[in-house]
Each structure stands twice: as structure tokens, then as C-alpha cells.
């Protein structure tokens, strides 16, 4: 049976360290959840996500991030079931090329390097493939030669760099098949973010993708 990209029940997952999370789609009534999640991010994590020292999301931003169609724009939240707190969000927004989507991942500081981003991406890839997406686009944070060499060293193989219509240098990454994420190019890109070669993906880029999708 094909996955229904517009409906998804919450799934309980166990991280490698034994902690449990709920993975579910972001809903319109999650605006306060995202607001509280932003407040718990460290200044460094906020800057990496938004490229500016943002302290609050506007009502318009929250509408962009929560009122979504779950087909061209999907977002999955990881929730700590013990405190009902937001742990992380993974999101894709389809581009003007139907098989390509901008991808973004943000994980709260106490949960970073615990496998949260990997679990979120596993579920996001499943839903993206069901919606007809075959490639994710990730932004190169630094366009100098050394950063490109660093990326090529850490992520050899099935990804290529190109200049986007908005002028950003981005990487096109083929989505892995079922059960293949952990050894895939996408997983290597995720690991490379810790070494500042790439960023997946600052909110200013994702927001522009959402606006293009909405025809604004």
C-alpha cells in the first residue's frame, strides 16, 4: 500500500542511546511548540539555523512553518514524550523542479549528536519519495576552495554542486533507498555539517522556498 503523504500517525522511535521520541507531522496548532523550541536553542544554534541572532519567529514565519500541505511542503517533529518538548524538526520544500526539494534539519542543543537528525531524515526521506521527490538540495555555507575540498573529502560520490536560481551554491543529493540512509551520501552530508562545509539549510533559504511554493 502506498504511503499517504497527507496523513501520518505518530511513531515512537528509540535512539541508539536508548532514549525514546515521538516522530509526527507538524500541525497548524504547533506554533507555540516551535516558539518554545526556538527559545531553548543556544545562540550558536540559532545563528547556524537562521544566519542572524533571531530571538522570536513572527506570526508569518510560524504560519509558513506549520500550515503546510504535507506533499510539496513536509515537516516532521521529534517530540520528547516525557516532557512534550520539541526536540527537532526536519523539513523539505519542493522547488520549481518537481523532483527536487530544499531540505532543512534543526535539533535542540541537548539532543545534538544523539542520532535525532538521522531518525528524522529517515522518516522525511520516506515521505519525500512517496511524494515524488528524488533529490534534496543542501546549501554550501562557505564557497571557498578549501570548503569545497573538505566536502569532497567527506562526501565523495553521488552529489554535485551547482548554482541555484537564487544565487546560492548548493549540493544536489540523491535520496537513499529504504534502509540505506546511514551509509548514504545524505548521511555524509549530515556529518559534514559538524565541520562547517555545508549547512542543511538556513531558514532564510527555506523561507524563500516556501514563498516560491506559495506563489508570493
N, C-alpha and C. Protein backbone atom coordinates (compact mmCIF):
# COMPACT_ATOMS: atom_id res chain seq x y z
N UNK A 1 0.84 -1.19 0.00
CA UNK A 1 0.00 0.00 0.00
C UNK A 1 0.89 1.25 0.00
N UNK A 2 0.58 2.22 -0.84
CA UNK A 2 1.38 3.44 -0.94
C UNK A 2 1.20 4.29 0.32
N UNK A 3 2.27 4.97 0.69
CA UNK A 3 2.22 5.86 1.84
C UNK A 3 1.34 7.04 1.53
N UNK A 4 0.43 7.37 2.45
CA UNK A 4 -0.42 8.55 2.32
C UNK A 4 0.39 9.74 2.80
N UNK A 5 0.83 10.60 1.87
CA UNK A 5 1.70 11.70 2.25
C UNK A 5 0.98 12.80 3.00
N UNK A 6 -0.35 12.77 3.03
CA UNK A 6 -1.08 13.81 3.74
C UNK A 6 -1.48 13.38 5.15
N UNK A 7 -1.25 12.14 5.52
CA UNK A 7 -1.62 11.68 6.84
C UNK A 7 -0.52 10.78 7.38
N UNK A 8 -0.21 10.96 8.65
CA UNK A 8 0.81 10.13 9.27
C UNK A 8 0.57 10.07 10.76
N UNK A 9 0.45 8.88 11.32
CA UNK A 9 0.34 8.73 12.75
C UNK A 9 1.72 8.94 13.38
N UNK A 10 1.72 9.32 14.66
CA UNK A 10 2.97 9.45 15.39
C UNK A 10 3.63 8.08 15.53
N UNK A 11 4.94 8.07 15.38
CA UNK A 11 5.71 6.84 15.51
C UNK A 11 6.68 6.99 16.67
N UNK A 12 6.71 6.01 17.55
CA UNK A 12 7.67 6.01 18.65
C UNK A 12 8.95 5.34 18.18
N UNK A 13 10.08 6.03 18.37
CA UNK A 13 11.37 5.50 17.94
C UNK A 13 12.33 5.51 19.13
N UNK A 14 13.31 4.62 19.08
CA UNK A 14 14.34 4.55 20.12
C UNK A 14 15.68 4.94 19.53
N UNK A 15 16.35 5.91 20.13
CA UNK A 15 17.65 6.37 19.68
C UNK A 15 18.73 5.37 20.09
N UNK A 16 19.91 5.44 19.46
CA UNK A 16 20.98 4.49 19.82
C UNK A 16 21.32 4.47 21.30
N UNK A 17 21.17 5.61 21.99
CA UNK A 17 21.47 5.67 23.41
C UNK A 17 20.35 5.18 24.31
N UNK A 18 19.21 4.82 23.71
CA UNK A 18 18.10 4.27 24.49
C UNK A 18 16.95 5.23 24.72
N UNK A 19 17.13 6.53 24.47
CA UNK A 19 16.04 7.48 24.66
C UNK A 19 14.96 7.26 23.61
N UNK A 20 13.71 7.53 24.00
CA UNK A 20 12.58 7.37 23.09
C UNK A 20 12.04 8.73 22.68
N UNK A 21 11.60 8.81 21.42
CA UNK A 21 10.99 10.02 20.88
C UNK A 21 9.75 9.65 20.09
N UNK A 22 8.86 10.63 19.93
CA UNK A 22 7.74 10.50 19.02
C UNK A 22 8.05 11.31 17.77
N UNK A 23 7.86 10.71 16.60
CA UNK A 23 8.04 11.41 15.33
C UNK A 23 6.67 11.58 14.70
N UNK A 24 6.30 12.82 14.40
CA UNK A 24 4.99 13.07 13.78
C UNK A 24 5.07 14.29 12.88
N UNK A 25 4.03 14.47 12.05
CA UNK A 25 3.96 15.65 11.20
C UNK A 25 3.70 16.90 12.03
N UNK A 26 4.28 18.01 11.57
CA UNK A 26 3.99 19.31 12.17
C UNK A 26 2.57 19.71 11.80
N UNK A 27 1.85 20.29 12.78
CA UNK A 27 0.45 20.67 12.59
C UNK A 27 0.27 22.18 12.77
N UNK A 28 -0.84 22.74 12.29
CA UNK A 28 -1.07 24.18 12.47
C UNK A 28 -1.09 24.62 13.93
N UNK A 29 -1.47 23.72 14.84
CA UNK A 29 -1.53 24.10 16.25
C UNK A 29 -0.17 23.94 16.96
N UNK A 30 0.90 23.75 16.18
CA UNK A 30 2.24 23.61 16.77
C UNK A 30 3.00 24.92 16.85
N UNK A 31 2.34 26.03 16.63
CA UNK A 31 3.06 27.32 16.63
C UNK A 31 3.75 27.58 17.96
N UNK A 32 3.07 27.32 19.07
CA UNK A 32 3.70 27.55 20.37
C UNK A 32 4.82 26.56 20.62
N UNK A 33 4.66 25.33 20.13
CA UNK A 33 5.70 24.31 20.27
C UNK A 33 6.98 24.77 19.58
N UNK A 34 6.86 25.33 18.35
CA UNK A 34 8.03 25.82 17.64
C UNK A 34 8.62 27.06 18.31
N UNK A 35 7.75 27.92 18.82
CA UNK A 35 8.21 29.11 19.53
C UNK A 35 9.04 28.74 20.74
N UNK A 36 8.54 27.79 21.53
CA UNK A 36 9.27 27.35 22.72
C UNK A 36 10.57 26.65 22.33
N UNK A 37 10.53 25.88 21.23
CA UNK A 37 11.73 25.19 20.78
C UNK A 37 12.83 26.17 20.39
N UNK A 38 12.46 27.26 19.71
CA UNK A 38 13.44 28.28 19.33
C UNK A 38 14.08 28.90 20.57
N UNK A 39 13.27 29.18 21.58
CA UNK A 39 13.79 29.81 22.79
C UNK A 39 14.81 28.93 23.50
N UNK A 40 14.71 27.62 23.33
CA UNK A 40 15.64 26.71 24.00
C UNK A 40 16.93 26.48 23.22
N UNK A 41 16.99 26.97 21.97
CA UNK A 41 18.23 26.83 21.19
C UNK A 41 19.30 27.79 21.71
N UNK A 42 20.54 27.34 21.68
CA UNK A 42 21.65 28.22 22.06
C UNK A 42 21.83 29.31 21.00
N UNK A 43 22.48 30.43 21.34
CA UNK A 43 22.74 31.47 20.34
C UNK A 43 23.47 30.94 19.12
N UNK A 44 24.42 30.03 19.31
CA UNK A 44 25.16 29.46 18.18
C UNK A 44 24.24 28.65 17.27
N UNK A 45 23.37 27.83 17.86
CA UNK A 45 22.46 27.02 17.06
C UNK A 45 21.46 27.91 16.32
N UNK A 46 21.01 28.96 16.97
CA UNK A 46 20.10 29.89 16.29
C UNK A 46 20.77 30.52 15.07
N UNK A 47 22.02 30.94 15.25
CA UNK A 47 22.71 31.59 14.14
C UNK A 47 22.93 30.63 12.98
N UNK A 48 23.31 29.38 13.28
CA UNK A 48 23.52 28.40 12.22
C UNK A 48 22.23 28.11 11.47
N UNK A 49 21.10 28.19 12.16
CA UNK A 49 19.82 27.89 11.54
C UNK A 49 19.26 29.08 10.77
N UNK A 50 19.43 30.29 11.34
CA UNK A 50 18.77 31.47 10.77
C UNK A 50 19.73 32.48 10.15
N UNK A 51 21.05 32.28 10.34
CA UNK A 51 22.07 33.21 9.85
C UNK A 51 21.90 34.62 10.41
N UNK A 52 21.28 34.73 11.55
CA UNK A 52 21.16 36.00 12.26
C UNK A 52 20.74 35.69 13.70
N UNK A 53 21.00 36.60 14.63
CA UNK A 53 20.68 36.34 16.04
C UNK A 53 19.19 36.49 16.32
N UNK A 54 18.39 35.59 15.78
CA UNK A 54 16.94 35.67 15.90
C UNK A 54 16.50 35.19 17.28
N UNK A 55 15.59 35.95 17.91
CA UNK A 55 15.08 35.56 19.22
C UNK A 55 13.63 35.11 19.16
N UNK A 56 12.88 35.56 18.16
CA UNK A 56 11.47 35.20 18.04
C UNK A 56 11.11 34.99 16.57
N UNK A 57 10.17 34.08 16.30
CA UNK A 57 9.61 33.92 14.97
C UNK A 57 8.35 34.77 14.86
N UNK A 58 8.19 35.42 13.72
CA UNK A 58 7.00 36.24 13.51
C UNK A 58 5.78 35.34 13.27
N UNK A 59 4.60 35.92 13.36
CA UNK A 59 3.38 35.16 13.09
C UNK A 59 3.40 34.62 11.66
N UNK A 60 3.94 35.42 10.75
CA UNK A 60 4.00 34.97 9.36
C UNK A 60 4.97 33.79 9.22
N UNK A 61 6.11 33.87 9.91
CA UNK A 61 7.05 32.76 9.89
C UNK A 61 6.40 31.50 10.43
N UNK A 62 5.70 31.62 11.55
CA UNK A 62 5.07 30.46 12.17
C UNK A 62 3.99 29.86 11.27
N UNK A 63 3.29 30.72 10.53
CA UNK A 63 2.30 30.21 9.58
C UNK A 63 2.99 29.43 8.48
N UNK A 64 4.11 29.97 7.95
CA UNK A 64 4.86 29.26 6.91
C UNK A 64 5.28 27.87 7.39
N UNK A 65 5.70 27.81 8.66
CA UNK A 65 6.32 26.60 9.18
C UNK A 65 5.34 25.55 9.67
N UNK A 66 4.10 25.93 9.89
CA UNK A 66 3.13 24.98 10.47
C UNK A 66 1.92 24.71 9.59
N UNK A 67 1.53 25.64 8.74
CA UNK A 67 0.34 25.46 7.90
C UNK A 67 0.78 24.94 6.54
N UNK A 68 0.98 23.63 6.46
CA UNK A 68 1.64 23.02 5.30
C UNK A 68 0.77 21.93 4.70
N UNK A 69 1.07 21.57 3.45
CA UNK A 69 0.21 20.62 2.74
C UNK A 69 0.67 19.17 2.84
N UNK A 70 1.87 18.93 3.40
CA UNK A 70 2.42 17.58 3.60
C UNK A 70 2.67 16.83 2.29
N UNK A 71 2.77 17.56 1.21
CA UNK A 71 3.09 16.96 -0.09
C UNK A 71 4.22 17.74 -0.74
N UNK A 72 3.96 18.99 -1.09
CA UNK A 72 5.01 19.85 -1.61
C UNK A 72 5.85 20.45 -0.47
N UNK A 73 5.26 20.51 0.68
CA UNK A 73 5.95 21.02 1.87
C UNK A 73 5.65 20.08 3.03
N UNK A 74 6.67 19.40 3.51
CA UNK A 74 6.50 18.47 4.62
C UNK A 74 7.42 18.85 5.77
N UNK A 75 6.96 18.65 6.98
CA UNK A 75 7.78 18.89 8.17
C UNK A 75 7.43 17.84 9.21
N UNK A 76 8.46 17.25 9.79
CA UNK A 76 8.30 16.23 10.82
C UNK A 76 8.96 16.72 12.09
N UNK A 77 8.26 16.55 13.21
CA UNK A 77 8.76 16.96 14.51
C UNK A 77 9.14 15.75 15.33
N UNK A 78 10.23 15.88 16.08
CA UNK A 78 10.61 14.88 17.08
C UNK A 78 10.23 15.45 18.44
N UNK A 79 9.43 14.71 19.19
CA UNK A 79 8.89 15.18 20.46
C UNK A 79 9.41 14.28 21.59
N UNK A 80 9.84 14.91 22.68
CA UNK A 80 10.20 14.17 23.88
C UNK A 80 8.91 13.80 24.60
N UNK A 81 8.51 12.52 24.64
CA UNK A 81 7.22 12.16 25.22
C UNK A 81 7.14 12.39 26.72
N UNK A 82 8.28 12.50 27.39
CA UNK A 82 8.26 12.70 28.84
C UNK A 82 7.86 14.13 29.20
N UNK A 83 8.38 15.10 28.44
CA UNK A 83 8.06 16.49 28.76
C UNK A 83 7.23 17.17 27.70
N UNK A 84 6.89 16.45 26.61
CA UNK A 84 6.14 17.00 25.49
C UNK A 84 6.86 18.22 24.90
N UNK A 85 8.20 18.18 24.89
CA UNK A 85 9.01 19.26 24.34
C UNK A 85 9.46 18.92 22.93
N UNK A 86 9.62 19.96 22.12
CA UNK A 86 10.15 19.79 20.78
C UNK A 86 11.65 19.51 20.85
N UNK A 87 12.08 18.43 20.20
CA UNK A 87 13.49 18.05 20.18
C UNK A 87 14.14 18.47 18.87
N UNK A 88 13.43 18.32 17.75
CA UNK A 88 13.99 18.67 16.46
C UNK A 88 12.93 18.66 15.38
N UNK A 89 13.26 19.26 14.23
CA UNK A 89 12.36 19.31 13.08
C UNK A 89 13.17 19.06 11.82
N UNK A 90 12.65 18.22 10.95
CA UNK A 90 13.21 18.03 9.60
C UNK A 90 12.14 18.41 8.60
N UNK A 91 12.55 19.09 7.54
CA UNK A 91 11.58 19.67 6.62
C UNK A 91 12.10 19.61 5.19
N UNK A 92 11.19 19.39 4.24
CA UNK A 92 11.54 19.62 2.84
C UNK A 92 10.49 20.52 2.21
N UNK A 93 10.93 21.31 1.25
CA UNK A 93 10.05 22.18 0.47
C UNK A 93 10.39 21.97 -0.99
N UNK A 94 9.42 21.50 -1.77
CA UNK A 94 9.66 21.23 -3.19
C UNK A 94 10.03 22.51 -3.93
N UNK A 95 10.97 22.39 -4.84
CA UNK A 95 11.41 23.55 -5.63
C UNK A 95 10.58 23.64 -6.91
N UNK A 96 10.99 24.56 -7.79
CA UNK A 96 10.31 24.67 -9.08
C UNK A 96 10.53 23.43 -9.93
N UNK A 97 11.58 22.67 -9.62
CA UNK A 97 11.81 21.38 -10.28
C UNK A 97 11.12 20.31 -9.44
N UNK A 98 10.09 19.66 -9.93
CA UNK A 98 9.24 18.82 -9.09
C UNK A 98 9.95 17.71 -8.34
N UNK A 99 11.08 17.21 -8.86
CA UNK A 99 11.77 16.11 -8.20
C UNK A 99 12.83 16.57 -7.21
N UNK A 100 12.95 17.89 -7.03
CA UNK A 100 13.97 18.46 -6.16
C UNK A 100 13.32 19.21 -5.01
N UNK A 101 13.88 19.09 -3.79
CA UNK A 101 13.34 19.80 -2.63
C UNK A 101 14.46 20.33 -1.76
N UNK A 102 14.27 21.55 -1.23
CA UNK A 102 15.17 22.07 -0.21
C UNK A 102 14.96 21.25 1.05
N UNK A 103 16.04 20.92 1.75
CA UNK A 103 15.94 20.15 2.99
C UNK A 103 16.52 20.97 4.14
N UNK A 104 15.90 20.89 5.29
CA UNK A 104 16.43 21.56 6.48
C UNK A 104 16.24 20.66 7.69
N UNK A 105 17.20 20.73 8.61
CA UNK A 105 17.16 19.94 9.83
C UNK A 105 17.66 20.82 10.97
N UNK A 106 16.93 20.84 12.07
CA UNK A 106 17.41 21.53 13.27
C UNK A 106 17.09 20.65 14.47
N UNK A 107 18.07 20.51 15.37
CA UNK A 107 17.93 19.69 16.57
C UNK A 107 18.35 20.52 17.77
N UNK A 108 17.57 20.46 18.84
CA UNK A 108 17.89 21.20 20.06
C UNK A 108 19.24 20.80 20.64
N UNK A 109 19.91 21.76 21.26
CA UNK A 109 21.29 21.54 21.72
C UNK A 109 21.48 20.31 22.61
N UNK A 110 20.64 20.07 23.61
CA UNK A 110 20.89 18.90 24.48
C UNK A 110 20.79 17.57 23.74
N UNK A 111 20.13 17.57 22.55
CA UNK A 111 19.89 16.32 21.82
C UNK A 111 20.82 16.14 20.64
N UNK A 112 21.69 17.11 20.38
CA UNK A 112 22.57 17.00 19.22
C UNK A 112 23.58 15.87 19.41
N UNK A 113 23.96 15.22 18.28
CA UNK A 113 24.90 14.10 18.26
C UNK A 113 24.37 12.87 18.99
N UNK A 114 23.06 12.73 19.00
CA UNK A 114 22.44 11.55 19.61
C UNK A 114 21.63 10.73 18.62
N UNK A 115 21.73 11.07 17.33
CA UNK A 115 21.01 10.32 16.31
C UNK A 115 19.65 10.87 15.96
N UNK A 116 19.27 12.03 16.52
CA UNK A 116 17.94 12.59 16.26
C UNK A 116 17.80 12.99 14.80
N UNK A 117 18.80 13.69 14.26
CA UNK A 117 18.72 14.14 12.87
C UNK A 117 18.63 12.96 11.92
N UNK A 118 19.35 11.90 12.21
CA UNK A 118 19.31 10.72 11.35
C UNK A 118 17.92 10.09 11.35
N UNK A 119 17.32 9.95 12.52
CA UNK A 119 15.98 9.38 12.62
C UNK A 119 14.97 10.25 11.88
N UNK A 120 15.05 11.56 12.08
CA UNK A 120 14.13 12.47 11.38
C UNK A 120 14.29 12.36 9.87
N UNK A 121 15.54 12.32 9.41
CA UNK A 121 15.77 12.23 7.96
C UNK A 121 15.28 10.91 7.39
N UNK A 122 15.41 9.82 8.14
CA UNK A 122 14.91 8.55 7.66
C UNK A 122 13.41 8.65 7.35
N UNK A 123 12.65 9.26 8.25
CA UNK A 123 11.21 9.40 8.05
C UNK A 123 10.90 10.42 6.95
N UNK A 124 11.71 11.50 6.89
CA UNK A 124 11.47 12.53 5.88
C UNK A 124 11.74 11.99 4.48
N UNK A 125 12.80 11.22 4.33
CA UNK A 125 13.13 10.63 3.03
C UNK A 125 11.99 9.72 2.57
N UNK A 126 11.45 8.93 3.48
CA UNK A 126 10.33 8.05 3.14
C UNK A 126 9.16 8.84 2.58
N UNK A 127 8.85 9.95 3.22
CA UNK A 127 7.70 10.75 2.78
C UNK A 127 8.03 11.52 1.50
N UNK A 128 9.28 11.96 1.36
CA UNK A 128 9.66 12.68 0.14
C UNK A 128 9.57 11.76 -1.07
N UNK A 129 10.06 10.54 -0.94
CA UNK A 129 9.99 9.59 -2.06
C UNK A 129 8.53 9.31 -2.42
N UNK A 130 7.67 9.17 -1.41
CA UNK A 130 6.25 8.91 -1.69
C UNK A 130 5.61 10.08 -2.43
N UNK A 131 6.15 11.29 -2.24
CA UNK A 131 5.62 12.48 -2.91
C UNK A 131 6.27 12.73 -4.25
N UNK A 132 7.20 11.85 -4.68
CA UNK A 132 7.83 12.01 -5.99
C UNK A 132 9.13 12.79 -5.99
N UNK A 133 9.67 13.12 -4.81
CA UNK A 133 10.96 13.82 -4.72
C UNK A 133 12.08 12.79 -4.83
N UNK A 134 13.09 13.08 -5.64
CA UNK A 134 14.21 12.16 -5.81
C UNK A 134 15.53 12.73 -5.30
N UNK A 135 15.61 14.06 -5.13
CA UNK A 135 16.85 14.69 -4.69
C UNK A 135 16.55 15.79 -3.67
N UNK A 136 17.42 15.91 -2.68
CA UNK A 136 17.41 17.04 -1.76
C UNK A 136 18.51 18.01 -2.15
N UNK A 137 18.30 19.30 -1.85
CA UNK A 137 19.32 20.32 -2.08
C UNK A 137 19.80 20.85 -0.73
N UNK A 138 21.11 20.85 -0.53
CA UNK A 138 21.73 21.38 0.69
C UNK A 138 22.66 22.52 0.31
N UNK A 139 22.70 23.55 1.11
CA UNK A 139 23.46 24.75 0.79
C UNK A 139 24.90 24.64 1.27
N UNK A 140 25.85 25.04 0.41
CA UNK A 140 27.24 25.17 0.84
C UNK A 140 27.37 26.45 1.64
N UNK A 141 27.82 26.33 2.89
CA UNK A 141 27.92 27.50 3.75
C UNK A 141 29.10 28.39 3.35
N UNK A 142 30.17 27.79 2.88
CA UNK A 142 31.36 28.55 2.53
C UNK A 142 31.75 28.17 1.11
N UNK A 143 31.83 29.15 0.23
CA UNK A 143 32.07 28.86 -1.17
C UNK A 143 33.56 28.85 -1.55
N UNK A 144 34.45 28.95 -0.58
CA UNK A 144 35.86 28.97 -0.96
C UNK A 144 36.36 27.57 -1.29
N UNK A 145 37.52 27.52 -1.90
CA UNK A 145 38.06 26.25 -2.41
C UNK A 145 38.29 25.24 -1.30
N UNK A 146 38.76 25.69 -0.14
CA UNK A 146 39.05 24.76 0.94
C UNK A 146 37.78 24.08 1.44
N UNK A 147 36.69 24.83 1.50
CA UNK A 147 35.43 24.22 1.94
C UNK A 147 34.96 23.17 0.94
N UNK A 148 35.11 23.48 -0.34
CA UNK A 148 34.71 22.51 -1.36
C UNK A 148 35.57 21.25 -1.28
N UNK A 149 36.87 21.42 -1.06
CA UNK A 149 37.75 20.26 -0.92
C UNK A 149 37.37 19.44 0.30
N UNK A 150 37.02 20.14 1.40
CA UNK A 150 36.61 19.44 2.61
C UNK A 150 35.37 18.62 2.34
N UNK A 151 34.42 19.20 1.62
CA UNK A 151 33.20 18.46 1.32
C UNK A 151 33.50 17.25 0.45
N UNK A 152 34.30 17.43 -0.59
CA UNK A 152 34.61 16.33 -1.49
C UNK A 152 35.32 15.19 -0.74
N UNK A 153 36.13 15.57 0.25
CA UNK A 153 36.82 14.55 1.04
C UNK A 153 35.84 13.78 1.92
N UNK A 154 34.88 14.47 2.50
CA UNK A 154 33.96 13.83 3.44
C UNK A 154 32.76 13.21 2.74
N UNK A 155 32.38 13.72 1.59
CA UNK A 155 31.18 13.25 0.91
C UNK A 155 31.50 12.94 -0.55
N UNK A 156 32.30 11.92 -0.82
CA UNK A 156 32.58 11.58 -2.21
C UNK A 156 31.38 10.89 -2.85
N UNK A 157 31.28 11.00 -4.17
CA UNK A 157 30.26 10.19 -4.84
C UNK A 157 29.05 10.96 -5.29
N UNK A 158 27.86 10.50 -4.85
CA UNK A 158 26.61 10.84 -5.52
C UNK A 158 26.01 12.17 -5.06
N UNK A 159 26.76 13.24 -5.23
CA UNK A 159 26.25 14.59 -5.01
C UNK A 159 27.01 15.52 -5.93
N UNK A 160 26.35 16.57 -6.38
CA UNK A 160 27.04 17.51 -7.26
C UNK A 160 26.65 18.93 -6.88
N UNK A 161 27.59 19.83 -7.05
CA UNK A 161 27.35 21.23 -6.71
C UNK A 161 26.85 21.98 -7.94
N UNK A 162 25.98 22.96 -7.69
CA UNK A 162 25.51 23.83 -8.77
C UNK A 162 25.07 25.15 -8.18
N UNK A 163 24.91 26.15 -9.02
CA UNK A 163 24.42 27.45 -8.60
C UNK A 163 22.91 27.47 -8.75
N UNK A 164 22.20 27.79 -7.66
CA UNK A 164 20.74 27.80 -7.71
C UNK A 164 20.25 29.09 -8.36
N UNK A 165 18.95 29.14 -8.65
CA UNK A 165 18.36 30.33 -9.26
C UNK A 165 18.46 31.54 -8.33
N UNK A 166 18.55 31.30 -7.01
CA UNK A 166 18.67 32.39 -6.05
C UNK A 166 20.12 32.82 -5.84
N UNK A 167 21.06 32.14 -6.53
CA UNK A 167 22.46 32.54 -6.44
C UNK A 167 23.28 31.77 -5.43
N UNK A 168 22.65 30.85 -4.69
CA UNK A 168 23.39 30.07 -3.70
C UNK A 168 24.11 28.90 -4.37
N UNK A 169 25.24 28.51 -3.80
CA UNK A 169 25.91 27.30 -4.24
C UNK A 169 25.35 26.14 -3.43
N UNK A 170 24.73 25.19 -4.10
CA UNK A 170 24.04 24.12 -3.38
C UNK A 170 24.47 22.76 -3.91
N UNK A 171 24.23 21.75 -3.09
CA UNK A 171 24.54 20.37 -3.43
C UNK A 171 23.26 19.62 -3.70
N UNK A 172 23.22 18.89 -4.81
CA UNK A 172 22.09 18.04 -5.12
C UNK A 172 22.42 16.62 -4.68
N UNK A 173 21.60 16.07 -3.81
CA UNK A 173 21.89 14.78 -3.17
C UNK A 173 20.77 13.80 -3.50
N UNK A 174 21.13 12.71 -4.12
CA UNK A 174 20.14 11.68 -4.44
C UNK A 174 19.63 11.04 -3.16
N UNK A 175 18.31 10.86 -3.05
CA UNK A 175 17.75 10.26 -1.85
C UNK A 175 18.09 8.78 -1.79
N UNK A 176 18.48 8.29 -0.62
CA UNK A 176 18.78 6.86 -0.49
C UNK A 176 17.51 6.03 -0.51
N UNK A 177 17.66 4.76 -0.82
CA UNK A 177 16.53 3.84 -0.79
C UNK A 177 16.19 3.45 0.63
N UNK A 178 15.11 2.69 0.83
CA UNK A 178 14.70 2.26 2.16
C UNK A 178 15.83 1.52 2.88
N UNK A 179 16.10 1.94 4.11
CA UNK A 179 17.12 1.29 4.92
C UNK A 179 18.54 1.63 4.56
N UNK A 180 18.77 2.58 3.65
CA UNK A 180 20.12 2.87 3.17
C UNK A 180 20.67 4.21 3.67
N UNK A 181 19.92 4.92 4.51
CA UNK A 181 20.32 6.27 4.87
C UNK A 181 21.67 6.31 5.59
N UNK A 182 21.90 5.42 6.52
CA UNK A 182 23.05 5.53 7.42
C UNK A 182 24.39 5.47 6.68
N UNK A 183 24.45 4.84 5.54
CA UNK A 183 25.69 4.77 4.76
C UNK A 183 25.60 5.58 3.47
N UNK A 184 24.64 6.49 3.39
CA UNK A 184 24.36 7.20 2.14
C UNK A 184 25.10 8.53 2.06
N UNK A 185 25.04 9.14 0.87
CA UNK A 185 25.58 10.48 0.69
C UNK A 185 24.88 11.48 1.60
N UNK A 186 23.56 11.34 1.76
CA UNK A 186 22.81 12.26 2.61
C UNK A 186 23.32 12.20 4.04
N UNK A 187 23.62 11.00 4.54
CA UNK A 187 24.15 10.87 5.89
C UNK A 187 25.53 11.51 6.00
N UNK A 188 26.35 11.38 4.94
CA UNK A 188 27.68 12.01 4.97
C UNK A 188 27.55 13.53 4.98
N UNK A 189 26.57 14.05 4.23
CA UNK A 189 26.33 15.49 4.26
C UNK A 189 25.97 15.93 5.67
N UNK A 190 25.11 15.16 6.33
CA UNK A 190 24.71 15.49 7.70
C UNK A 190 25.92 15.53 8.62
N UNK A 191 26.81 14.55 8.49
CA UNK A 191 28.01 14.53 9.32
C UNK A 191 28.95 15.69 8.98
N UNK A 192 28.98 16.07 7.70
CA UNK A 192 29.87 17.15 7.29
C UNK A 192 29.44 18.50 7.84
N UNK A 193 28.17 18.65 8.23
CA UNK A 193 27.72 19.93 8.79
C UNK A 193 28.49 20.27 10.06
N UNK A 194 28.94 19.25 10.78
CA UNK A 194 29.70 19.49 12.01
C UNK A 194 31.06 20.10 11.72
N UNK A 195 31.50 20.03 10.47
CA UNK A 195 32.81 20.56 10.09
C UNK A 195 32.67 21.81 9.22
N UNK A 196 31.49 22.42 9.20
CA UNK A 196 31.21 23.71 8.55
C UNK A 196 31.40 23.72 7.05
N UNK A 197 31.41 22.57 6.41
CA UNK A 197 31.50 22.56 4.95
C UNK A 197 30.14 22.88 4.33
N UNK A 198 29.08 22.39 4.95
CA UNK A 198 27.74 22.63 4.43
C UNK A 198 26.81 22.97 5.58
N UNK A 199 25.67 23.52 5.23
CA UNK A 199 24.63 23.76 6.23
C UNK A 199 23.32 23.28 5.65
N UNK A 200 22.53 22.58 6.45
CA UNK A 200 21.28 21.98 5.98
C UNK A 200 20.11 22.52 6.80
N UNK A 201 19.45 23.40 6.25
CA UNK A 201 19.62 24.51 5.33
C UNK A 201 19.19 25.74 6.12
N UNK A 202 19.84 26.90 6.05
CA UNK A 202 19.43 28.02 6.88
C UNK A 202 17.99 28.43 6.59
N UNK A 203 17.32 28.94 7.61
CA UNK A 203 15.90 29.24 7.47
C UNK A 203 15.64 30.27 6.39
N UNK A 204 16.54 31.20 6.18
CA UNK A 204 16.29 32.22 5.14
C UNK A 204 16.17 31.58 3.76
N UNK A 205 16.89 30.47 3.54
CA UNK A 205 16.77 29.76 2.27
C UNK A 205 15.46 28.98 2.21
N UNK A 206 15.15 28.27 3.30
CA UNK A 206 13.91 27.51 3.36
C UNK A 206 12.69 28.42 3.23
N UNK A 207 12.74 29.57 3.88
CA UNK A 207 11.61 30.51 3.82
C UNK A 207 11.37 30.98 2.39
N UNK A 208 12.45 31.27 1.66
CA UNK A 208 12.29 31.67 0.27
C UNK A 208 11.69 30.55 -0.56
N UNK A 209 12.09 29.31 -0.27
CA UNK A 209 11.49 28.17 -0.99
C UNK A 209 10.00 28.06 -0.69
N UNK A 210 9.61 28.29 0.57
CA UNK A 210 8.20 28.24 0.93
C UNK A 210 7.43 29.35 0.21
N UNK A 211 8.01 30.53 0.16
CA UNK A 211 7.33 31.63 -0.52
C UNK A 211 7.17 31.36 -2.01
N UNK A 212 8.20 30.79 -2.62
CA UNK A 212 8.06 30.43 -4.04
C UNK A 212 6.96 29.40 -4.23
N UNK A 213 6.90 28.45 -3.31
CA UNK A 213 5.89 27.40 -3.40
C UNK A 213 4.49 27.99 -3.31
N UNK A 214 4.34 29.02 -2.46
CA UNK A 214 3.04 29.66 -2.27
C UNK A 214 2.73 30.73 -3.31
N UNK A 215 3.71 30.98 -4.18
CA UNK A 215 3.48 31.97 -5.24
C UNK A 215 3.49 33.40 -4.75
N UNK A 216 4.20 33.67 -3.67
CA UNK A 216 4.23 35.03 -3.11
C UNK A 216 5.34 35.86 -3.73
